[in-house]
Amino acid sequence: MKLGRIIGSVMCTQKVESFRGVKLLLLQPVDEKLEPSGEPLIACDPVQAGPGDLVLWDGGREAALALENWYNPSDATVMGIVDQVYGQQGQGTQSSGGRK
């Protein structure tokens, strides 16, 4: 899994059947210092993350398996909302966008 920050949402009026009812978010991958790393991407969100949240996400087949309908074309899915990051680079860093 990887870390990322939610920077927006994506609205679609038409989706493939396997994405009906699935929220789509704009996710900015971050590095170990919680700084932006790479290009933003669109991720499915079964955990109800919101703008500013630091999240765990994964890609590839694991992303598709995290959704209720596991037969879907997801390339990225949010797996969890991070409360804090501990370690040398992120020692005790509050990481979610205002959530408690």
PDB file of N, CA and C in Angstrom:
ATOM      1  N   MET A   1       0.830  -1.177   0.000  1.00  0.00           N
ATOM      2  CA  MET A   1       0.000   0.000   0.000  1.00  0.00           C
ATOM      3  C   MET A   1       0.876   1.243   0.000  1.00  0.00           C
ATOM      4  N   LYS A   2       0.269   2.337  -0.418  1.00  0.00           N
ATOM      5  CA  LYS A   2       0.981   3.601  -0.552  1.00  0.00           C
ATOM      6  C   LYS A   2       0.204   4.695   0.173  1.00  0.00           C
ATOM      7  N   LEU A   3       0.867   5.833   0.428  1.00  0.00           N
ATOM      8  CA  LEU A   3       0.213   6.976   1.037  1.00  0.00           C
ATOM      9  C   LEU A   3      -0.175   7.997  -0.024  1.00  0.00           C
ATOM     10  N   GLY A   4      -1.286   8.668   0.198  1.00  0.00           N
ATOM     11  CA  GLY A   4      -1.728   9.719  -0.702  1.00  0.00           C
ATOM     12  C   GLY A   4      -2.619  10.691   0.039  1.00  0.00           C
ATOM     13  N   ARG A   5      -2.829  11.864  -0.555  1.00  0.00           N
ATOM     14  CA  ARG A   5      -3.710  12.862   0.039  1.00  0.00           C
ATOM     15  C   ARG A   5      -4.848  13.138  -0.940  1.00  0.00           C
ATOM     16  N   ILE A   6      -6.066  13.205  -0.430  1.00  0.00           N
ATOM     17  CA  ILE A   6      -7.228  13.491  -1.266  1.00  0.00           C
ATOM     18  C   ILE A   6      -7.242  14.984  -1.565  1.00  0.00           C
ATOM     19  N   ILE A   7      -7.248  15.317  -2.864  1.00  0.00           N
ATOM     20  CA  ILE A   7      -7.207  16.724  -3.265  1.00  0.00           C
ATOM     21  C   ILE A   7      -8.462  17.154  -4.025  1.00  0.00           C
ATOM     22  N   GLY A   8      -9.399  16.243  -4.211  1.00  0.00           N
ATOM     23  CA  GLY A   8     -10.631  16.604  -4.910  1.00  0.00           C
ATOM     24  C   GLY A   8     -11.495  15.390  -5.163  1.00  0.00           C
ATOM     25  N   SER A   9     -12.586  15.623  -5.852  1.00  0.00           N
ATOM     26  CA  SER A   9     -13.483  14.521  -6.212  1.00  0.00           C
ATOM     27  C   SER A   9     -13.733  14.560  -7.710  1.00  0.00           C
ATOM     28  N   VAL A  10     -14.218  13.457  -8.232  1.00  0.00           N
ATOM     29  CA  VAL A  10     -14.498  13.329  -9.654  1.00  0.00           C
ATOM     30  C   VAL A  10     -15.965  12.932  -9.797  1.00  0.00           C
ATOM     31  N   MET A  11     -16.719  13.707 -10.551  1.00  0.00           N
ATOM     32  CA  MET A  11     -18.136  13.430 -10.758  1.00  0.00           C
ATOM     33  C   MET A  11     -18.346  12.858 -12.157  1.00  0.00           C
ATOM     34  N   CYS A  12     -19.098  11.777 -12.241  1.00  0.00           N
ATOM     35  CA  CYS A  12     -19.414  11.148 -13.525  1.00  0.00           C
ATOM     36  C   CYS A  12     -20.922  10.898 -13.600  1.00  0.00           C
ATOM     37  N   THR A  13     -21.528  11.293 -14.698  1.00  0.00           N
ATOM     38  CA  THR A  13     -22.951  11.009 -14.859  1.00  0.00           C
ATOM     39  C   THR A  13     -23.167   9.620 -15.436  1.00  0.00           C
ATOM     40  N   GLN A  14     -22.178   9.105 -16.125  1.00  0.00           N
ATOM     41  CA  GLN A  14     -22.249   7.756 -16.696  1.00  0.00           C
ATOM     42  C   GLN A  14     -21.033   6.963 -16.239  1.00  0.00           C
ATOM     43  N   LYS A  15     -21.269   5.763 -15.721  1.00  0.00           N
ATOM     44  CA  LYS A  15     -20.179   4.889 -15.276  1.00  0.00           C
ATOM     45  C   LYS A  15     -20.464   3.472 -15.753  1.00  0.00           C
ATOM     46  N   VAL A  16     -19.410   2.654 -15.787  1.00  0.00           N
ATOM     47  CA  VAL A  16     -19.627   1.233 -16.043  1.00  0.00           C
ATOM     48  C   VAL A  16     -20.446   0.681 -14.877  1.00  0.00           C
ATOM     49  N   GLU A  17     -21.198  -0.345 -15.110  1.00  0.00           N
ATOM     50  CA  GLU A  17     -22.097  -0.921 -14.098  1.00  0.00           C
ATOM     51  C   GLU A  17     -21.378  -1.246 -12.793  1.00  0.00           C
ATOM     52  N   SER A  18     -20.155  -1.755 -12.861  1.00  0.00           N
ATOM     53  CA  SER A  18     -19.430  -2.148 -11.647  1.00  0.00           C
ATOM     54  C   SER A  18     -19.003  -0.950 -10.796  1.00  0.00           C
ATOM     55  N   PHE A  19     -19.098   0.275 -11.323  1.00  0.00           N
ATOM     56  CA  PHE A  19     -18.767   1.476 -10.566  1.00  0.00           C
ATOM     57  C   PHE A  19     -19.996   2.233 -10.064  1.00  0.00           C
ATOM     58  N   ARG A  20     -21.184   1.729 -10.321  1.00  0.00           N
ATOM     59  CA  ARG A  20     -22.392   2.410  -9.849  1.00  0.00           C
ATOM     60  C   ARG A  20     -22.384   2.447  -8.322  1.00  0.00           C
ATOM     61  N   GLY A  21     -22.574   3.642  -7.768  1.00  0.00           N
ATOM     62  CA  GLY A  21     -22.575   3.812  -6.323  1.00  0.00           C
ATOM     63  C   GLY A  21     -21.193   3.950  -5.705  1.00  0.00           C
ATOM     64  N   VAL A  22     -20.142   3.935  -6.518  1.00  0.00           N
ATOM     65  CA  VAL A  22     -18.771   4.061  -6.020  1.00  0.00           C
ATOM     66  C   VAL A  22     -18.321   5.515  -6.169  1.00  0.00           C
ATOM     67  N   LYS A  23     -17.877   6.116  -5.065  1.00  0.00           N
ATOM     68  CA  LYS A  23     -17.372   7.489  -5.099  1.00  0.00           C
ATOM     69  C   LYS A  23     -15.968   7.485  -5.700  1.00  0.00           C
ATOM     70  N   LEU A  24     -15.676   8.481  -6.544  1.00  0.00           N
ATOM     71  CA  LEU A  24     -14.357   8.617  -7.161  1.00  0.00           C
ATOM     72  C   LEU A  24     -13.690   9.880  -6.630  1.00  0.00           C
ATOM     73  N   LEU A  25     -12.414   9.760  -6.251  1.00  0.00           N
ATOM     74  CA  LEU A  25     -11.674  10.869  -5.680  1.00  0.00           C
ATOM     75  C   LEU A  25     -10.408  11.148  -6.473  1.00  0.00           C
ATOM     76  N   LEU A  26      -9.960  12.394  -6.417  1.00  0.00           N
ATOM     77  CA  LEU A  26      -8.675  12.774  -6.996  1.00  0.00           C
ATOM     78  C   LEU A  26      -7.641  12.640  -5.888  1.00  0.00           C
ATOM     79  N   LEU A  27      -6.652  11.806  -6.102  1.00  0.00           N
ATOM     80  CA  LEU A  27      -5.676  11.437  -5.078  1.00  0.00           C
ATOM     81  C   LEU A  27      -4.282  11.847  -5.521  1.00  0.00           C
ATOM     82  N   GLN A  28      -3.562  12.551  -4.648  1.00  0.00           N
ATOM     83  CA  GLN A  28      -2.174  12.934  -4.900  1.00  0.00           C
ATOM     84  C   GLN A  28      -1.272  11.994  -4.112  1.00  0.00           C
ATOM     85  N   PRO A  29      -0.496  11.125  -4.790  1.00  0.00           N
ATOM     86  CA  PRO A  29       0.456  10.287  -4.045  1.00  0.00           C
ATOM     87  C   PRO A  29       1.445  11.175  -3.284  1.00  0.00           C
ATOM     88  N   VAL A  30       1.877  10.722  -2.111  1.00  0.00           N
ATOM     89  CA  VAL A  30       2.862  11.449  -1.311  1.00  0.00           C
ATOM     90  C   VAL A  30       4.024  10.522  -0.963  1.00  0.00           C
ATOM     91  N   ASP A  31       5.182  11.138  -0.640  1.00  0.00           N
ATOM     92  CA  ASP A  31       6.365  10.366  -0.270  1.00  0.00           C
ATOM     93  C   ASP A  31       6.427  10.185   1.246  1.00  0.00           C
ATOM     94  N   GLU A  32       7.558   9.687   1.744  1.00  0.00           N
ATOM     95  CA  GLU A  32       7.720   9.413   3.177  1.00  0.00           C
ATOM     96  C   GLU A  32       7.722  10.683   4.020  1.00  0.00           C
ATOM     97  N   LYS A  33       7.924  11.844   3.383  1.00  0.00           N
ATOM     98  CA  LYS A  33       7.855  13.121   4.093  1.00  0.00           C
ATOM     99  C   LYS A  33       6.473  13.757   3.969  1.00  0.00           C
ATOM    100  N   LEU A  34       5.550  13.010   3.380  1.00  0.00           N
ATOM    101  CA  LEU A  34       4.173  13.443   3.139  1.00  0.00           C
ATOM    102  C   LEU A  34       4.098  14.606   2.154  1.00  0.00           C
ATOM    103  N   GLU A  35       5.100  14.686   1.269  1.00  0.00           N
ATOM    104  CA  GLU A  35       5.148  15.688   0.207  1.00  0.00           C
ATOM    105  C   GLU A  35       4.629  15.069  -1.092  1.00  0.00           C
ATOM    106  N   PRO A  36       3.982  15.864  -1.960  1.00  0.00           N
ATOM    107  CA  PRO A  36       3.483  15.337  -3.231  1.00  0.00           C
ATOM    108  C   PRO A  36       4.572  14.610  -4.014  1.00  0.00           C
ATOM    109  N   SER A  37       4.204  13.488  -4.597  1.00  0.00           N
ATOM    110  CA  SER A  37       5.149  12.659  -5.345  1.00  0.00           C
ATOM    111  C   SER A  37       4.431  12.066  -6.551  1.00  0.00           C
ATOM    112  N   GLY A  38       4.779  12.518  -7.734  1.00  0.00           N
ATOM    113  CA  GLY A  38       4.144  11.991  -8.936  1.00  0.00           C
ATOM    114  C   GLY A  38       2.866  12.733  -9.294  1.00  0.00           C
ATOM    115  N   GLU A  39       2.188  12.213 -10.280  1.00  0.00           N
ATOM    116  CA  GLU A  39       0.971  12.832 -10.810  1.00  0.00           C
ATOM    117  C   GLU A  39      -0.264  12.393 -10.025  1.00  0.00           C
ATOM    118  N   PRO A  40      -1.242  13.282  -9.858  1.00  0.00           N
ATOM    119  CA  PRO A  40      -2.506  12.877  -9.230  1.00  0.00           C
ATOM    120  C   PRO A  40      -3.199  11.799 -10.064  1.00  0.00           C
ATOM    121  N   LEU A  41      -4.045  11.019  -9.408  1.00  0.00           N
ATOM    122  CA  LEU A  41      -4.779   9.957 -10.090  1.00  0.00           C
ATOM    123  C   LEU A  41      -6.184   9.857  -9.524  1.00  0.00           C
ATOM    124  N   ILE A  42      -7.031   9.145 -10.219  1.00  0.00           N
ATOM    125  CA  ILE A  42      -8.411   8.934  -9.770  1.00  0.00           C
ATOM    126  C   ILE A  42      -8.474   7.594  -9.057  1.00  0.00           C
ATOM    127  N   ALA A  43      -9.086   7.593  -7.867  1.00  0.00           N
ATOM    128  CA  ALA A  43      -9.188   6.375  -7.071  1.00  0.00           C
ATOM    129  C   ALA A  43     -10.631   6.152  -6.627  1.00  0.00           C
ATOM    130  N   CYS A  44     -11.034   4.909  -6.577  1.00  0.00           N
ATOM    131  CA  CYS A  44     -12.333   4.533  -6.012  1.00  0.00           C
ATOM    132  C   CYS A  44     -12.246   4.666  -4.491  1.00  0.00           C
ATOM    133  N   ASP A  45     -13.377   4.996  -3.871  1.00  0.00           N
ATOM    134  CA  ASP A  45     -13.372   5.262  -2.436  1.00  0.00           C
ATOM    135  C   ASP A  45     -14.478   4.521  -1.687  1.00  0.00           C
ATOM    136  N   PRO A  46     -14.199   3.316  -1.194  1.00  0.00           N
ATOM    137  CA  PRO A  46     -15.199   2.609  -0.390  1.00  0.00           C
ATOM    138  C   PRO A  46     -15.166   2.989   1.090  1.00  0.00           C
ATOM    139  N   VAL A  47     -14.230   3.858   1.524  1.00  0.00           N
ATOM    140  CA  VAL A  47     -14.072   4.175   2.951  1.00  0.00           C
ATOM    141  C   VAL A  47     -14.552   5.582   3.323  1.00  0.00           C
ATOM    142  N   GLN A  48     -15.105   6.323   2.374  1.00  0.00           N
ATOM    143  CA  GLN A  48     -15.662   7.659   2.619  1.00  0.00           C
ATOM    144  C   GLN A  48     -14.617   8.686   3.066  1.00  0.00           C
ATOM    145  N   ALA A  49     -13.487   8.721   2.376  1.00  0.00           N
ATOM    146  CA  ALA A  49     -12.463   9.740   2.629  1.00  0.00           C
ATOM    147  C   ALA A  49     -12.955  11.075   2.087  1.00  0.00           C
ATOM    148  N   GLY A  50     -12.314  12.148   2.525  1.00  0.00           N
ATOM    149  CA  GLY A  50     -12.710  13.476   2.069  1.00  0.00           C
ATOM    150  C   GLY A  50     -11.506  14.344   1.770  1.00  0.00           C
ATOM    151  N   PRO A  51     -11.751  15.548   1.273  1.00  0.00           N
ATOM    152  CA  PRO A  51     -10.664  16.462   0.919  1.00  0.00           C
ATOM    153  C   PRO A  51      -9.713  16.696   2.089  1.00  0.00           C
ATOM    154  N   GLY A  52      -8.408  16.605   1.808  1.00  0.00           N
ATOM    155  CA  GLY A  52      -7.381  16.819   2.813  1.00  0.00           C
ATOM    156  C   GLY A  52      -6.979  15.571   3.573  1.00  0.00           C
ATOM    157  N   ASP A  53      -7.767  14.503   3.494  1.00  0.00           N
ATOM    158  CA  ASP A  53      -7.430  13.274   4.224  1.00  0.00           C
ATOM    159  C   ASP A  53      -6.183  12.620   3.655  1.00  0.00           C
ATOM    160  N   LEU A  54      -5.328  12.130   4.553  1.00  0.00           N
ATOM    161  CA  LEU A  54      -4.212  11.273   4.167  1.00  0.00           C
ATOM    162  C   LEU A  54      -4.755   9.858   4.165  1.00  0.00           C
ATOM    163  N   VAL A  55      -4.498   9.117   3.100  1.00  0.00           N
ATOM    164  CA  VAL A  55      -5.094   7.790   2.949  1.00  0.00           C
ATOM    165  C   VAL A  55      -4.057   6.746   2.560  1.00  0.00           C
ATOM    166  N   LEU A  56      -4.403   5.503   2.830  1.00  0.00           N
ATOM    167  CA  LEU A  56      -3.681   4.361   2.279  1.00  0.00           C
ATOM    168  C   LEU A  56      -4.401   3.973   1.001  1.00  0.00           C
ATOM    169  N   TRP A  57      -3.650   3.723  -0.063  1.00  0.00           N
ATOM    170  CA  TRP A  57      -4.268   3.310  -1.311  1.00  0.00           C
ATOM    171  C   TRP A  57      -3.409   2.248  -1.963  1.00  0.00           C
ATOM    172  N   ASP A  58      -4.013   1.515  -2.859  1.00  0.00           N
ATOM    173  CA  ASP A  58      -3.268   0.507  -3.598  1.00  0.00           C
ATOM    174  C   ASP A  58      -3.747   0.504  -5.037  1.00  0.00           C
ATOM    175  N   GLY A  59      -2.939  -0.050  -5.895  1.00  0.00           N
ATOM    176  CA  GLY A  59      -3.254  -0.110  -7.309  1.00  0.00           C
ATOM    177  C   GLY A  59      -3.222  -1.537  -7.809  1.00  0.00           C
ATOM    178  N   GLY A  60      -3.404  -1.692  -9.092  1.00  0.00           N
ATOM    179  CA  GLY A  60      -3.377  -3.019  -9.688  1.00  0.00           C
ATOM    180  C   GLY A  60      -4.599  -3.845  -9.304  1.00  0.00           C
ATOM    181  N   ARG A  61      -4.464  -5.150  -9.365  1.00  0.00           N
ATOM    182  CA  ARG A  61      -5.591  -6.043  -9.085  1.00  0.00           C
ATOM    183  C   ARG A  61      -6.108  -5.880  -7.656  1.00  0.00           C
ATOM    184  N   GLU A  62      -5.224  -5.550  -6.717  1.00  0.00           N
ATOM    185  CA  GLU A  62      -5.637  -5.355  -5.327  1.00  0.00           C
ATOM    186  C   GLU A  62      -6.658  -4.224  -5.221  1.00  0.00           C
ATOM    187  N   ALA A  63      -6.522  -3.207  -6.060  1.00  0.00           N
ATOM    188  CA  ALA A  63      -7.466  -2.088  -6.049  1.00  0.00           C
ATOM    189  C   ALA A  63      -8.868  -2.572  -6.404  1.00  0.00           C
ATOM    190  N   ALA A  64      -8.967  -3.427  -7.393  1.00  0.00           N
ATOM    191  CA  ALA A  64     -10.276  -3.939  -7.804  1.00  0.00           C
ATOM    192  C   ALA A  64     -10.881  -4.850  -6.739  1.00  0.00           C
ATOM    193  N   LEU A  65     -10.053  -5.618  -6.065  1.00  0.00           N
ATOM    194  CA  LEU A  65     -10.556  -6.564  -5.066  1.00  0.00           C
ATOM    195  C   LEU A  65     -11.110  -5.883  -3.820  1.00  0.00           C
ATOM    196  N   ALA A  66     -10.741  -4.635  -3.576  1.00  0.00           N
ATOM    197  CA  ALA A  66     -11.202  -3.928  -2.378  1.00  0.00           C
ATOM    198  C   ALA A  66     -12.643  -3.450  -2.486  1.00  0.00           C
ATOM    199  N   LEU A  67     -13.190  -3.434  -3.681  1.00  0.00           N
ATOM    200  CA  LEU A  67     -14.567  -2.975  -3.864  1.00  0.00           C
ATOM    201  C   LEU A  67     -15.543  -4.130  -3.700  1.00  0.00           C
ATOM    202  N   GLU A  68     -16.782  -3.776  -3.376  1.00  0.00           N
ATOM    203  CA  GLU A  68     -17.815  -4.799  -3.154  1.00  0.00           C
ATOM    204  C   GLU A  68     -17.983  -5.697  -4.379  1.00  0.00           C
ATOM    205  N   ASN A  69     -18.063  -5.082  -5.541  1.00  0.00           N
ATOM    206  CA  ASN A  69     -18.123  -5.838  -6.791  1.00  0.00           C
ATOM    207  C   ASN A  69     -16.691  -5.976  -7.297  1.00  0.00           C
ATOM    208  N   TRP A  70     -16.019  -7.059  -6.951  1.00  0.00           N
ATOM    209  CA  TRP A  70     -14.587  -7.184  -7.235  1.00  0.00           C
ATOM    210  C   TRP A  70     -14.263  -7.347  -8.709  1.00  0.00           C
ATOM    211  N   TYR A  71     -15.269  -7.565  -9.561  1.00  0.00           N
ATOM    212  CA  TYR A  71     -15.002  -7.658 -10.997  1.00  0.00           C
ATOM    213  C   TYR A  71     -15.223  -6.270 -11.594  1.00  0.00           C
ATOM    214  N   ASN A  72     -14.198  -5.425 -11.543  1.00  0.00           N
ATOM    215  CA  ASN A  72     -14.298  -4.042 -12.002  1.00  0.00           C
ATOM    216  C   ASN A  72     -12.942  -3.600 -12.556  1.00  0.00           C
ATOM    217  N   PRO A  73     -12.908  -2.481 -13.279  1.00  0.00           N
ATOM    218  CA  PRO A  73     -11.654  -2.024 -13.889  1.00  0.00           C
ATOM    219  C   PRO A  73     -10.850  -1.027 -13.053  1.00  0.00           C
ATOM    220  N   SER A  74     -11.008  -1.013 -11.729  1.00  0.00           N
ATOM    221  CA  SER A  74     -10.301  -0.034 -10.904  1.00  0.00           C
ATOM    222  C   SER A  74      -8.787  -0.221 -10.965  1.00  0.00           C
ATOM    223  N   ASP A  75      -8.068   0.888 -11.156  1.00  0.00           N
ATOM    224  CA  ASP A  75      -6.606   0.894 -11.123  1.00  0.00           C
ATOM    225  C   ASP A  75      -6.080   1.384  -9.787  1.00  0.00           C
ATOM    226  N   ALA A  76      -6.946   2.065  -9.000  1.00  0.00           N
ATOM    227  CA  ALA A  76      -6.536   2.598  -7.698  1.00  0.00           C
ATOM    228  C   ALA A  76      -7.760   2.658  -6.794  1.00  0.00           C
ATOM    229  N   THR A  77      -7.573   2.245  -5.544  1.00  0.00           N
ATOM    230  CA  THR A  77      -8.657   2.274  -4.556  1.00  0.00           C
ATOM    231  C   THR A  77      -8.098   2.703  -3.213  1.00  0.00           C
ATOM    232  N   VAL A  78      -8.839   3.581  -2.532  1.00  0.00           N
ATOM    233  CA  VAL A  78      -8.491   3.995  -1.182  1.00  0.00           C
ATOM    234  C   VAL A  78      -8.817   2.829  -0.252  1.00  0.00           C
ATOM    235  N   MET A  79      -7.833   2.415   0.570  1.00  0.00           N
ATOM    236  CA  MET A  79      -8.011   1.268   1.466  1.00  0.00           C
ATOM    237  C   MET A  79      -8.264   1.684   2.910  1.00  0.00           C
ATOM    238  N   GLY A  80      -7.860   2.916   3.282  1.00  0.00           N
ATOM    239  CA  GLY A  80      -8.053   3.366   4.648  1.00  0.00           C
ATOM    240  C   GLY A  80      -7.708   4.832   4.797  1.00  0.00           C
ATOM    241  N   ILE A  81      -8.232   5.437   5.871  1.00  0.00           N
ATOM    242  CA  ILE A  81      -7.936   6.827   6.205  1.00  0.00           C
ATOM    243  C   ILE A  81      -6.922   6.810   7.346  1.00  0.00           C
ATOM    244  N   VAL A  82      -5.791   7.487   7.155  1.00  0.00           N
ATOM    245  CA  VAL A  82      -4.692   7.485   8.123  1.00  0.00           C
ATOM    246  C   VAL A  82      -4.970   8.512   9.224  1.00  0.00           C
ATOM    247  N   ASP A  83      -4.804   8.103  10.482  1.00  0.00           N
ATOM    248  CA  ASP A  83      -4.976   9.014  11.612  1.00  0.00           C
ATOM    249  C   ASP A  83      -3.670   9.716  11.955  1.00  0.00           C
ATOM    250  N   GLN A  84      -2.578   8.964  12.040  1.00  0.00           N
ATOM    251  CA  GLN A  84      -1.267   9.535  12.330  1.00  0.00           C
ATOM    252  C   GLN A  84      -0.198   8.703  11.651  1.00  0.00           C
ATOM    253  N   VAL A  85       0.952   9.348  11.416  1.00  0.00           N
ATOM    254  CA  VAL A  85       2.112   8.664  10.855  1.00  0.00           C
ATOM    255  C   VAL A  85       3.237   8.778  11.874  1.00  0.00           C
ATOM    256  N   TYR A  86       3.841   7.646  12.236  1.00  0.00           N
ATOM    257  CA  TYR A  86       4.964   7.622  13.171  1.00  0.00           C
ATOM    258  C   TYR A  86       6.192   7.127  12.438  1.00  0.00           C
ATOM    259  N   GLY A  87       7.339   7.653  12.778  1.00  0.00           N
ATOM    260  CA  GLY A  87       8.585   7.242  12.165  1.00  0.00           C
ATOM    261  C   GLY A  87       9.532   8.423  12.096  1.00  0.00           C
ATOM    262  N   GLN A  88      10.713   8.199  11.604  1.00  0.00           N
ATOM    263  CA  GLN A  88      11.721   9.258  11.564  1.00  0.00           C
ATOM    264  C   GLN A  88      11.252  10.470  10.770  1.00  0.00           C
ATOM    265  N   GLN A  89      10.648  10.256   9.607  1.00  0.00           N
ATOM    266  CA  GLN A  89      10.246  11.385   8.770  1.00  0.00           C
ATOM    267  C   GLN A  89       8.921  11.989   9.212  1.00  0.00           C
ATOM    268  N   GLY A  90       8.004  11.167   9.705  1.00  0.00           N
ATOM    269  CA  GLY A  90       6.678  11.670  10.042  1.00  0.00           C
ATOM    270  C   GLY A  90       6.345  11.490  11.501  1.00  0.00           C
ATOM    271  N   GLN A  91       7.310  11.618  12.382  1.00  0.00           N
ATOM    272  CA  GLN A  91       7.142  11.348  13.813  1.00  0.00           C
ATOM    273  C   GLN A  91       5.939  12.083  14.397  1.00  0.00           C
ATOM    274  N   GLY A  92       4.896  11.325  14.719  1.00  0.00           N
ATOM    275  CA  GLY A  92       3.728  11.882  15.370  1.00  0.00           C
ATOM    276  C   GLY A  92       2.934  12.872  14.533  1.00  0.00           C
ATOM    277  N   THR A  93       3.121  12.854  13.234  1.00  0.00           N
ATOM    278  CA  THR A  93       2.466  13.813  12.359  1.00  0.00           C
ATOM    279  C   THR A  93       0.973  13.559  12.298  1.00  0.00           C
ATOM    280  N   GLN A  94       0.172  14.588  12.599  1.00  0.00           N
ATOM    281  CA  GLN A  94      -1.257  14.504  12.382  1.00  0.00           C
ATOM    282  C   GLN A  94      -1.432  14.491  10.873  1.00  0.00           C
ATOM    283  N   SER A  95      -2.220  13.581  10.364  1.00  0.00           N
ATOM    284  CA  SER A  95      -2.207  13.435   8.930  1.00  0.00           C
ATOM    285  C   SER A  95      -3.541  13.607   8.233  1.00  0.00           C
ATOM    286  N   SER A  96      -4.631  13.471   8.916  1.00  0.00           N
ATOM    287  CA  SER A  96      -5.917  13.609   8.244  1.00  0.00           C
ATOM    288  C   SER A  96      -6.386  15.044   8.259  1.00  0.00           C
ATOM    289  N   GLY A  97      -7.170  15.388   7.281  1.00  0.00           N
ATOM    290  CA  GLY A  97      -7.632  16.765   7.127  1.00  0.00           C
ATOM    291  C   GLY A  97      -8.713  17.158   8.107  1.00  0.00           C
ATOM    292  N   GLY A  98      -8.398  17.171   9.396  1.00  0.00           N
ATOM    293  CA  GLY A  98      -9.342  17.652  10.384  1.00  0.00           C
ATOM    294  C   GLY A  98     -10.253  16.593  10.956  1.00  0.00           C
ATOM    295  N   ARG A  99     -10.148  15.350  10.534  1.00  0.00           N
ATOM    296  CA  ARG A  99     -10.997  14.289  11.076  1.00  0.00           C
ATOM    297  C   ARG A  99     -10.548  13.910  12.450  1.00  0.00           C
ATOM    298  N   LYS A 100     -11.452  13.454  13.266  1.00  0.00           N
ATOM    299  CA  LYS A 100     -11.136  12.998  14.621  1.00  0.00           C
ATOM    300  C   LYS A 100     -11.528  11.567  14.770  1.00  0.00           C
TER     301      LYS A 100
END
